[in-house]
Amino acid sequence: MNIEIKQEPSEEVSCANCKACCCRLEVLLITDTGVPKQHIAVDKWGGETMLRLDDGWCSAMDRKTYRCTIYENRPWICREFEMGSYECLQERDAWL
């Protein structure tokens, strides 16, 4: 039996050290928060998602600062995805 033991992160996740790993996830637009049209992709069924660029990153993420350029108008899902939460730490583990 293999038991995987996860080591706790050595530092707390904050705006200063976040690498925006969640900005590679698919984000469905399920409420109107005012996301600008240039950041919206429409699938073949008419569903709206945040536009992701060819490399997988969200089009609204500033590549230099790892900050959202539409923060005040970010999707509901992005508002609910809590920095440092279990889900956040899982995504960081997967990408870092």
PDB file of N, CA and C in Angstrom:
ATOM      1  N   MET A   1       0.843  -1.173   0.000  1.00  0.00           N
ATOM      2  CA  MET A   1       0.000   0.000   0.000  1.00  0.00           C
ATOM      3  C   MET A   1       0.890   1.239   0.000  1.00  0.00           C
ATOM      4  N   ASN A   2       0.677   2.116  -0.968  1.00  0.00           N
ATOM      5  CA  ASN A   2       1.409   3.378  -1.031  1.00  0.00           C
ATOM      6  C   ASN A   2       0.603   4.473  -0.359  1.00  0.00           C
ATOM      7  N   ILE A   3       1.225   5.142   0.571  1.00  0.00           N
ATOM      8  CA  ILE A   3       0.585   6.267   1.241  1.00  0.00           C
ATOM      9  C   ILE A   3       1.372   7.512   0.889  1.00  0.00           C
ATOM     10  N   GLU A   4       0.676   8.458   0.299  1.00  0.00           N
ATOM     11  CA  GLU A   4       1.329   9.709  -0.094  1.00  0.00           C
ATOM     12  C   GLU A   4       1.154  10.723   1.023  1.00  0.00           C
ATOM     13  N   ILE A   5       2.250  11.268   1.487  1.00  0.00           N
ATOM     14  CA  ILE A   5       2.210  12.286   2.531  1.00  0.00           C
ATOM     15  C   ILE A   5       2.558  13.612   1.896  1.00  0.00           C
ATOM     16  N   LYS A   6       1.636  14.529   2.005  1.00  0.00           N
ATOM     17  CA  LYS A   6       1.849  15.864   1.442  1.00  0.00           C
ATOM     18  C   LYS A   6       2.464  16.759   2.503  1.00  0.00           C
ATOM     19  N   GLN A   7       3.505  17.442   2.128  1.00  0.00           N
ATOM     20  CA  GLN A   7       4.137  18.388   3.028  1.00  0.00           C
ATOM     21  C   GLN A   7       3.387  19.709   2.925  1.00  0.00           C
ATOM     22  N   GLU A   8       3.162  20.337   4.056  1.00  0.00           N
ATOM     23  CA  GLU A   8       2.503  21.634   4.070  1.00  0.00           C
ATOM     24  C   GLU A   8       3.388  22.660   3.386  1.00  0.00           C
ATOM     25  N   PRO A   9       2.792  23.646   2.710  1.00  0.00           N
ATOM     26  CA  PRO A   9       3.601  24.672   2.061  1.00  0.00           C
ATOM     27  C   PRO A   9       4.451  25.413   3.080  1.00  0.00           C
ATOM     28  N   SER A  10       5.656  25.799   2.684  1.00  0.00           N
ATOM     29  CA  SER A  10       6.568  26.451   3.618  1.00  0.00           C
ATOM     30  C   SER A  10       6.164  27.889   3.911  1.00  0.00           C
ATOM     31  N   GLU A  11       5.360  28.463   3.026  1.00  0.00           N
ATOM     32  CA  GLU A  11       4.873  29.812   3.273  1.00  0.00           C
ATOM     33  C   GLU A  11       3.419  29.905   2.870  1.00  0.00           C
ATOM     34  N   GLU A  12       2.725  30.807   3.506  1.00  0.00           N
ATOM     35  CA  GLU A  12       1.321  31.012   3.195  1.00  0.00           C
ATOM     36  C   GLU A  12       1.194  31.671   1.823  1.00  0.00           C
ATOM     37  N   VAL A  13       0.190  31.271   1.060  1.00  0.00           N
ATOM     38  CA  VAL A  13      -0.040  31.863  -0.251  1.00  0.00           C
ATOM     39  C   VAL A  13      -0.624  33.263  -0.061  1.00  0.00           C
ATOM     40  N   SER A  14      -0.051  34.224  -0.754  1.00  0.00           N
ATOM     41  CA  SER A  14      -0.532  35.600  -0.672  1.00  0.00           C
ATOM     42  C   SER A  14      -0.412  36.239  -2.051  1.00  0.00           C
ATOM     43  N   CYS A  15      -0.923  37.449  -2.187  1.00  0.00           N
ATOM     44  CA  CYS A  15      -0.810  38.167  -3.461  1.00  0.00           C
ATOM     45  C   CYS A  15       0.656  38.355  -3.846  1.00  0.00           C
ATOM     46  N   ALA A  16       1.545  38.413  -2.869  1.00  0.00           N
ATOM     47  CA  ALA A  16       2.961  38.643  -3.139  1.00  0.00           C
ATOM     48  C   ALA A  16       3.653  37.420  -3.731  1.00  0.00           C
ATOM     49  N   ASN A  17       3.151  36.208  -3.447  1.00  0.00           N
ATOM     50  CA  ASN A  17       3.841  35.016  -3.940  1.00  0.00           C
ATOM     51  C   ASN A  17       2.964  34.090  -4.779  1.00  0.00           C
ATOM     52  N   CYS A  18       1.749  34.503  -5.070  1.00  0.00           N
ATOM     53  CA  CYS A  18       0.851  33.702  -5.898  1.00  0.00           C
ATOM     54  C   CYS A  18       1.386  33.667  -7.330  1.00  0.00           C
ATOM     55  N   LYS A  19       1.349  32.520  -7.935  1.00  0.00           N
ATOM     56  CA  LYS A  19       1.792  32.384  -9.329  1.00  0.00           C
ATOM     57  C   LYS A  19       0.613  32.185 -10.274  1.00  0.00           C
ATOM     58  N   ALA A  20      -0.595  32.542  -9.814  1.00  0.00           N
ATOM     59  CA  ALA A  20      -1.804  32.528 -10.644  1.00  0.00           C
ATOM     60  C   ALA A  20      -2.055  31.185 -11.315  1.00  0.00           C
ATOM     61  N   CYS A  21      -1.776  30.093 -10.632  1.00  0.00           N
ATOM     62  CA  CYS A  21      -2.009  28.769 -11.207  1.00  0.00           C
ATOM     63  C   CYS A  21      -3.469  28.562 -11.573  1.00  0.00           C
ATOM     64  N   CYS A  22      -4.373  29.163 -10.813  1.00  0.00           N
ATOM     65  CA  CYS A  22      -5.803  29.008 -11.111  1.00  0.00           C
ATOM     66  C   CYS A  22      -6.175  29.686 -12.423  1.00  0.00           C
ATOM     67  N   CYS A  23      -5.335  30.563 -12.925  1.00  0.00           N
ATOM     68  CA  CYS A  23      -5.620  31.258 -14.184  1.00  0.00           C
ATOM     69  C   CYS A  23      -5.388  30.367 -15.402  1.00  0.00           C
ATOM     70  N   ARG A  24      -5.139  29.087 -15.175  1.00  0.00           N
ATOM     71  CA  ARG A  24      -5.048  28.110 -16.260  1.00  0.00           C
ATOM     72  C   ARG A  24      -6.280  27.209 -16.285  1.00  0.00           C
ATOM     73  N   LEU A  25      -7.166  27.380 -15.319  1.00  0.00           N
ATOM     74  CA  LEU A  25      -8.374  26.558 -15.249  1.00  0.00           C
ATOM     75  C   LEU A  25      -9.441  27.099 -16.184  1.00  0.00           C
ATOM     76  N   GLU A  26     -10.327  26.219 -16.650  1.00  0.00           N
ATOM     77  CA  GLU A  26     -11.449  26.683 -17.460  1.00  0.00           C
ATOM     78  C   GLU A  26     -12.456  27.355 -16.540  1.00  0.00           C
ATOM     79  N   VAL A  27     -12.874  28.550 -16.907  1.00  0.00           N
ATOM     80  CA  VAL A  27     -13.805  29.328 -16.094  1.00  0.00           C
ATOM     81  C   VAL A  27     -15.085  29.568 -16.885  1.00  0.00           C
ATOM     82  N   LEU A  28     -16.173  28.970 -16.417  1.00  0.00           N
ATOM     83  CA  LEU A  28     -17.472  29.177 -17.035  1.00  0.00           C
ATOM     84  C   LEU A  28     -18.047  30.503 -16.555  1.00  0.00           C
ATOM     85  N   LEU A  29     -18.652  31.230 -17.460  1.00  0.00           N
ATOM     86  CA  LEU A  29     -19.303  32.489 -17.095  1.00  0.00           C
ATOM     87  C   LEU A  29     -20.776  32.182 -16.851  1.00  0.00           C
ATOM     88  N   ILE A  30     -21.157  32.131 -15.570  1.00  0.00           N
ATOM     89  CA  ILE A  30     -22.527  31.754 -15.224  1.00  0.00           C
ATOM     90  C   ILE A  30     -23.337  32.923 -14.684  1.00  0.00           C
ATOM     91  N   THR A  31     -22.688  34.044 -14.448  1.00  0.00           N
ATOM     92  CA  THR A  31     -23.378  35.271 -14.049  1.00  0.00           C
ATOM     93  C   THR A  31     -22.747  36.422 -14.814  1.00  0.00           C
ATOM     94  N   ASP A  32     -23.455  37.530 -14.893  1.00  0.00           N
ATOM     95  CA  ASP A  32     -22.931  38.703 -15.589  1.00  0.00           C
ATOM     96  C   ASP A  32     -22.217  39.598 -14.586  1.00  0.00           C
ATOM     97  N   THR A  33     -20.899  39.645 -14.677  1.00  0.00           N
ATOM     98  CA  THR A  33     -20.115  40.522 -13.810  1.00  0.00           C
ATOM     99  C   THR A  33     -19.477  41.651 -14.602  1.00  0.00           C
ATOM    100  N   GLY A  34     -19.746  41.687 -15.891  1.00  0.00           N
ATOM    101  CA  GLY A  34     -19.181  42.744 -16.724  1.00  0.00           C
ATOM    102  C   GLY A  34     -17.859  42.392 -17.366  1.00  0.00           C
ATOM    103  N   VAL A  35     -17.569  41.100 -17.527  1.00  0.00           N
ATOM    104  CA  VAL A  35     -16.333  40.689 -18.199  1.00  0.00           C
ATOM    105  C   VAL A  35     -16.337  41.294 -19.605  1.00  0.00           C
ATOM    106  N   PRO A  36     -15.281  42.020 -19.981  1.00  0.00           N
ATOM    107  CA  PRO A  36     -15.222  42.600 -21.330  1.00  0.00           C
ATOM    108  C   PRO A  36     -15.272  41.508 -22.409  1.00  0.00           C
ATOM    109  N   LYS A  37     -15.956  41.803 -23.504  1.00  0.00           N
ATOM    110  CA  LYS A  37     -16.171  40.821 -24.579  1.00  0.00           C
ATOM    111  C   LYS A  37     -14.882  40.241 -25.138  1.00  0.00           C
ATOM    112  N   GLN A  38     -13.785  41.017 -25.165  1.00  0.00           N
ATOM    113  CA  GLN A  38     -12.537  40.500 -25.725  1.00  0.00           C
ATOM    114  C   GLN A  38     -11.930  39.378 -24.872  1.00  0.00           C
ATOM    115  N   HIS A  39     -12.461  39.152 -23.665  1.00  0.00           N
ATOM    116  CA  HIS A  39     -11.972  38.087 -22.789  1.00  0.00           C
ATOM    117  C   HIS A  39     -12.951  36.912 -22.710  1.00  0.00           C
ATOM    118  N   ILE A  40     -13.966  36.904 -23.583  1.00  0.00           N
ATOM    119  CA  ILE A  40     -14.979  35.846 -23.542  1.00  0.00           C
ATOM    120  C   ILE A  40     -14.859  34.955 -24.780  1.00  0.00           C
ATOM    121  N   ALA A  41     -14.873  33.648 -24.531  1.00  0.00           N
ATOM    122  CA  ALA A  41     -14.914  32.653 -25.606  1.00  0.00           C
ATOM    123  C   ALA A  41     -16.289  32.009 -25.566  1.00  0.00           C
ATOM    124  N   VAL A  42     -16.829  31.675 -26.729  1.00  0.00           N
ATOM    125  CA  VAL A  42     -18.134  31.026 -26.821  1.00  0.00           C
ATOM    126  C   VAL A  42     -17.929  29.649 -27.441  1.00  0.00           C
ATOM    127  N   ASP A  43     -18.407  28.606 -26.744  1.00  0.00           N
ATOM    128  CA  ASP A  43     -18.224  27.250 -27.281  1.00  0.00           C
ATOM    129  C   ASP A  43     -19.311  26.936 -28.313  1.00  0.00           C
ATOM    130  N   LYS A  44     -19.248  25.743 -28.898  1.00  0.00           N
ATOM    131  CA  LYS A  44     -20.162  25.392 -29.983  1.00  0.00           C
ATOM    132  C   LYS A  44     -21.611  25.260 -29.529  1.00  0.00           C
ATOM    133  N   TRP A  45     -21.856  25.218 -28.226  1.00  0.00           N
ATOM    134  CA  TRP A  45     -23.211  25.149 -27.696  1.00  0.00           C
ATOM    135  C   TRP A  45     -23.702  26.519 -27.222  1.00  0.00           C
ATOM    136  N   GLY A  46     -22.882  27.538 -27.383  1.00  0.00           N
ATOM    137  CA  GLY A  46     -23.259  28.885 -26.960  1.00  0.00           C
ATOM    138  C   GLY A  46     -22.872  29.235 -25.543  1.00  0.00           C
ATOM    139  N   GLY A  47     -22.200  28.308 -24.856  1.00  0.00           N
ATOM    140  CA  GLY A  47     -21.744  28.575 -23.495  1.00  0.00           C
ATOM    141  C   GLY A  47     -20.558  29.531 -23.502  1.00  0.00           C
ATOM    142  N   GLU A  48     -20.496  30.385 -22.514  1.00  0.00           N
ATOM    143  CA  GLU A  48     -19.401  31.358 -22.428  1.00  0.00           C
ATOM    144  C   GLU A  48     -18.403  30.957 -21.358  1.00  0.00           C
ATOM    145  N   THR A  49     -17.134  31.093 -21.721  1.00  0.00           N
ATOM    146  CA  THR A  49     -16.030  30.845 -20.797  1.00  0.00           C
ATOM    147  C   THR A  49     -15.048  31.998 -20.916  1.00  0.00           C
ATOM    148  N   MET A  50     -14.159  32.087 -19.948  1.00  0.00           N
ATOM    149  CA  MET A  50     -13.076  33.055 -20.080  1.00  0.00           C
ATOM    150  C   MET A  50     -12.167  32.580 -21.200  1.00  0.00           C
ATOM    151  N   LEU A  51     -11.749  33.497 -22.036  1.00  0.00           N
ATOM    152  CA  LEU A  51     -10.858  33.187 -23.144  1.00  0.00           C
ATOM    153  C   LEU A  51      -9.498  32.784 -22.599  1.00  0.00           C
ATOM    154  N   ARG A  52      -9.010  31.660 -23.078  1.00  0.00           N
ATOM    155  CA  ARG A  52      -7.653  31.237 -22.732  1.00  0.00           C
ATOM    156  C   ARG A  52      -6.816  31.314 -23.988  1.00  0.00           C
ATOM    157  N   LEU A  53      -5.602  31.780 -23.832  1.00  0.00           N
ATOM    158  CA  LEU A  53      -4.703  31.926 -24.970  1.00  0.00           C
ATOM    159  C   LEU A  53      -4.103  30.577 -25.332  1.00  0.00           C
ATOM    160  N   ASP A  54      -3.357  30.525 -26.417  1.00  0.00           N
ATOM    161  CA  ASP A  54      -2.806  29.265 -26.919  1.00  0.00           C
ATOM    162  C   ASP A  54      -1.978  28.505 -25.889  1.00  0.00           C
ATOM    163  N   ASP A  55      -1.355  29.215 -24.965  1.00  0.00           N
ATOM    164  CA  ASP A  55      -0.537  28.550 -23.948  1.00  0.00           C
ATOM    165  C   ASP A  55      -1.343  28.126 -22.722  1.00  0.00           C
ATOM    166  N   GLY A  56      -2.662  28.360 -22.737  1.00  0.00           N
ATOM    167  CA  GLY A  56      -3.522  27.915 -21.650  1.00  0.00           C
ATOM    168  C   GLY A  56      -3.842  28.954 -20.596  1.00  0.00           C
ATOM    169  N   TRP A  57      -3.142  30.070 -20.599  1.00  0.00           N
ATOM    170  CA  TRP A  57      -3.385  31.102 -19.588  1.00  0.00           C
ATOM    171  C   TRP A  57      -4.604  31.932 -19.946  1.00  0.00           C
ATOM    172  N   CYS A  58      -5.306  32.417 -18.930  1.00  0.00           N
ATOM    173  CA  CYS A  58      -6.450  33.309 -19.100  1.00  0.00           C
ATOM    174  C   CYS A  58      -5.981  34.595 -19.782  1.00  0.00           C
ATOM    175  N   SER A  59      -6.781  35.065 -20.736  1.00  0.00           N
ATOM    176  CA  SER A  59      -6.396  36.275 -21.476  1.00  0.00           C
ATOM    177  C   SER A  59      -6.409  37.532 -20.610  1.00  0.00           C
ATOM    178  N   ALA A  60      -7.075  37.490 -19.470  1.00  0.00           N
ATOM    179  CA  ALA A  60      -7.162  38.673 -18.607  1.00  0.00           C
ATOM    180  C   ALA A  60      -6.020  38.773 -17.599  1.00  0.00           C
ATOM    181  N   MET A  61      -5.127  37.773 -17.587  1.00  0.00           N
ATOM    182  CA  MET A  61      -4.038  37.799 -16.621  1.00  0.00           C
ATOM    183  C   MET A  61      -2.833  38.553 -17.175  1.00  0.00           C
ATOM    184  N   ASP A  62      -2.321  39.481 -16.394  1.00  0.00           N
ATOM    185  CA  ASP A  62      -1.104  40.210 -16.753  1.00  0.00           C
ATOM    186  C   ASP A  62       0.077  39.269 -16.531  1.00  0.00           C
ATOM    187  N   ARG A  63       0.819  38.968 -17.573  1.00  0.00           N
ATOM    188  CA  ARG A  63       1.905  37.984 -17.498  1.00  0.00           C
ATOM    189  C   ARG A  63       3.096  38.455 -16.658  1.00  0.00           C
ATOM    190  N   LYS A  64       3.244  39.749 -16.480  1.00  0.00           N
ATOM    191  CA  LYS A  64       4.379  40.261 -15.697  1.00  0.00           C
ATOM    192  C   LYS A  64       4.090  40.255 -14.197  1.00  0.00           C
ATOM    193  N   THR A  65       2.863  40.578 -13.834  1.00  0.00           N
ATOM    194  CA  THR A  65       2.528  40.709 -12.414  1.00  0.00           C
ATOM    195  C   THR A  65       1.732  39.535 -11.871  1.00  0.00           C
ATOM    196  N   TYR A  66       1.227  38.667 -12.745  1.00  0.00           N
ATOM    197  CA  TYR A  66       0.338  37.569 -12.365  1.00  0.00           C
ATOM    198  C   TYR A  66      -0.929  38.094 -11.696  1.00  0.00           C
ATOM    199  N   ARG A  67      -1.361  39.260 -12.089  1.00  0.00           N
ATOM    200  CA  ARG A  67      -2.575  39.853 -11.534  1.00  0.00           C
ATOM    201  C   ARG A  67      -3.646  39.950 -12.617  1.00  0.00           C
ATOM    202  N   CYS A  68      -4.888  39.957 -12.181  1.00  0.00           N
ATOM    203  CA  CYS A  68      -6.017  40.038 -13.099  1.00  0.00           C
ATOM    204  C   CYS A  68      -6.196  41.471 -13.575  1.00  0.00           C
ATOM    205  N   THR A  69      -6.288  41.646 -14.883  1.00  0.00           N
ATOM    206  CA  THR A  69      -6.452  42.990 -15.440  1.00  0.00           C
ATOM    207  C   THR A  69      -7.905  43.453 -15.412  1.00  0.00           C
ATOM    208  N   ILE A  70      -8.828  42.535 -15.096  1.00  0.00           N
ATOM    209  CA  ILE A  70     -10.249  42.894 -15.009  1.00  0.00           C
ATOM    210  C   ILE A  70     -10.785  42.548 -13.620  1.00  0.00           C
ATOM    211  N   TYR A  71      -9.971  42.689 -12.605  1.00  0.00           N
ATOM    212  CA  TYR A  71     -10.293  42.231 -11.254  1.00  0.00           C
ATOM    213  C   TYR A  71     -11.680  42.667 -10.787  1.00  0.00           C
ATOM    214  N   GLU A  72     -12.046  43.910 -10.997  1.00  0.00           N
ATOM    215  CA  GLU A  72     -13.351  44.412 -10.551  1.00  0.00           C
ATOM    216  C   GLU A  72     -14.498  43.764 -11.326  1.00  0.00           C
ATOM    217  N   ASN A  73     -14.220  43.230 -12.505  1.00  0.00           N
ATOM    218  CA  ASN A  73     -15.240  42.591 -13.338  1.00  0.00           C
ATOM    219  C   ASN A  73     -14.980  41.102 -13.529  1.00  0.00           C
ATOM    220  N   ARG A  74     -14.161  40.507 -12.687  1.00  0.00           N
ATOM    221  CA  ARG A  74     -13.823  39.089 -12.832  1.00  0.00           C
ATOM    222  C   ARG A  74     -15.063  38.222 -12.639  1.00  0.00           C
ATOM    223  N   PRO A  75     -15.058  37.025 -13.220  1.00  0.00           N
ATOM    224  CA  PRO A  75     -16.208  36.124 -13.115  1.00  0.00           C
ATOM    225  C   PRO A  75     -16.477  35.697 -11.674  1.00  0.00           C
ATOM    226  N   TRP A  76     -17.705  35.263 -11.461  1.00  0.00           N
ATOM    227  CA  TRP A  76     -18.132  34.805 -10.135  1.00  0.00           C
ATOM    228  C   TRP A  76     -17.236  33.678  -9.630  1.00  0.00           C
ATOM    229  N   ILE A  77     -16.907  32.733 -10.507  1.00  0.00           N
ATOM    230  CA  ILE A  77     -16.070  31.592 -10.103  1.00  0.00           C
ATOM    231  C   ILE A  77     -14.709  32.077  -9.597  1.00  0.00           C
ATOM    232  N   CYS A  78     -14.147  33.068 -10.249  1.00  0.00           N
ATOM    233  CA  CYS A  78     -12.864  33.618  -9.808  1.00  0.00           C
ATOM    234  C   CYS A  78     -13.001  34.294  -8.446  1.00  0.00           C
ATOM    235  N   ARG A  79     -14.139  34.911  -8.206  1.00  0.00           N
ATOM    236  CA  ARG A  79     -14.392  35.567  -6.917  1.00  0.00           C
ATOM    237  C   ARG A  79     -14.491  34.538  -5.795  1.00  0.00           C
ATOM    238  N   GLU A  80     -15.030  33.360  -6.118  1.00  0.00           N
ATOM    239  CA  GLU A  80     -15.247  32.319  -5.120  1.00  0.00           C
ATOM    240  C   GLU A  80     -14.016  31.440  -4.881  1.00  0.00           C
ATOM    241  N   PHE A  81     -13.078  31.429  -5.815  1.00  0.00           N
ATOM    242  CA  PHE A  81     -11.884  30.586  -5.690  1.00  0.00           C
ATOM    243  C   PHE A  81     -10.938  31.266  -4.702  1.00  0.00           C
ATOM    244  N   GLU A  82     -10.911  30.778  -3.494  1.00  0.00           N
ATOM    245  CA  GLU A  82     -10.199  31.441  -2.412  1.00  0.00           C
ATOM    246  C   GLU A  82      -8.697  31.151  -2.426  1.00  0.00           C
ATOM    247  N   MET A  83      -7.914  32.217  -2.384  1.00  0.00           N
ATOM    248  CA  MET A  83      -6.463  32.073  -2.343  1.00  0.00           C
ATOM    249  C   MET A  83      -6.058  31.335  -1.063  1.00  0.00           C
ATOM    250  N   GLY A  84      -5.241  30.300  -1.229  1.00  0.00           N
ATOM    251  CA  GLY A  84      -4.766  29.521  -0.099  1.00  0.00           C
ATOM    252  C   GLY A  84      -5.707  28.413   0.330  1.00  0.00           C
ATOM    253  N   SER A  85      -6.840  28.267  -0.365  1.00  0.00           N
ATOM    254  CA  SER A  85      -7.792  27.203  -0.039  1.00  0.00           C
ATOM    255  C   SER A  85      -7.211  25.853  -0.465  1.00  0.00           C
ATOM    256  N   TYR A  86      -7.898  24.788  -0.089  1.00  0.00           N
ATOM    257  CA  TYR A  86      -7.479  23.447  -0.473  1.00  0.00           C
ATOM    258  C   TYR A  86      -7.342  23.339  -1.989  1.00  0.00           C
ATOM    259  N   GLU A  87      -8.356  23.863  -2.726  1.00  0.00           N
ATOM    260  CA  GLU A  87      -8.332  23.804  -4.189  1.00  0.00           C
ATOM    261  C   GLU A  87      -7.158  24.596  -4.758  1.00  0.00           C
ATOM    262  N   CYS A  88      -6.900  25.741  -4.195  1.00  0.00           N
ATOM    263  CA  CYS A  88      -5.775  26.581  -4.617  1.00  0.00           C
ATOM    264  C   CYS A  88      -4.455  25.822  -4.436  1.00  0.00           C
ATOM    265  N   LEU A  89      -4.274  25.242  -3.279  1.00  0.00           N
ATOM    266  CA  LEU A  89      -3.024  24.512  -3.011  1.00  0.00           C
ATOM    267  C   LEU A  89      -2.878  23.307  -3.912  1.00  0.00           C
ATOM    268  N   GLN A  90      -3.986  22.644  -4.253  1.00  0.00           N
ATOM    269  CA  GLN A  90      -3.926  21.523  -5.197  1.00  0.00           C
ATOM    270  C   GLN A  90      -3.448  21.990  -6.564  1.00  0.00           C
ATOM    271  N   GLU A  91      -3.986  23.097  -7.060  1.00  0.00           N
ATOM    272  CA  GLU A  91      -3.575  23.610  -8.357  1.00  0.00           C
ATOM    273  C   GLU A  91      -2.106  24.041  -8.338  1.00  0.00           C
ATOM    274  N   ARG A  92      -1.674  24.660  -7.257  1.00  0.00           N
ATOM    275  CA  ARG A  92      -0.264  25.065  -7.141  1.00  0.00           C
ATOM    276  C   ARG A  92       0.636  23.833  -7.188  1.00  0.00           C
ATOM    277  N   ASP A  93       0.248  22.777  -6.474  1.00  0.00           N
ATOM    278  CA  ASP A  93       1.038  21.535  -6.486  1.00  0.00           C
ATOM    279  C   ASP A  93       1.140  20.973  -7.900  1.00  0.00           C
ATOM    280  N   ALA A  94       0.038  21.032  -8.637  1.00  0.00           N
ATOM    281  CA  ALA A  94       0.012  20.472  -9.999  1.00  0.00           C
ATOM    282  C   ALA A  94       0.889  21.259 -10.956  1.00  0.00           C
ATOM    283  N   TRP A  95       0.977  22.588 -10.812  1.00  0.00           N
ATOM    284  CA  TRP A  95       1.692  23.417 -11.766  1.00  0.00           C
ATOM    285  C   TRP A  95       3.111  23.776 -11.356  1.00  0.00           C
ATOM    286  N   LEU A  96       3.386  23.769 -10.058  1.00  0.00           N
ATOM    287  CA  LEU A  96       4.726  24.225  -9.629  1.00  0.00           C
ATOM    288  C   LEU A  96       5.698  23.105  -9.425  1.00  0.00           C
TER     289      LEU A  96
END
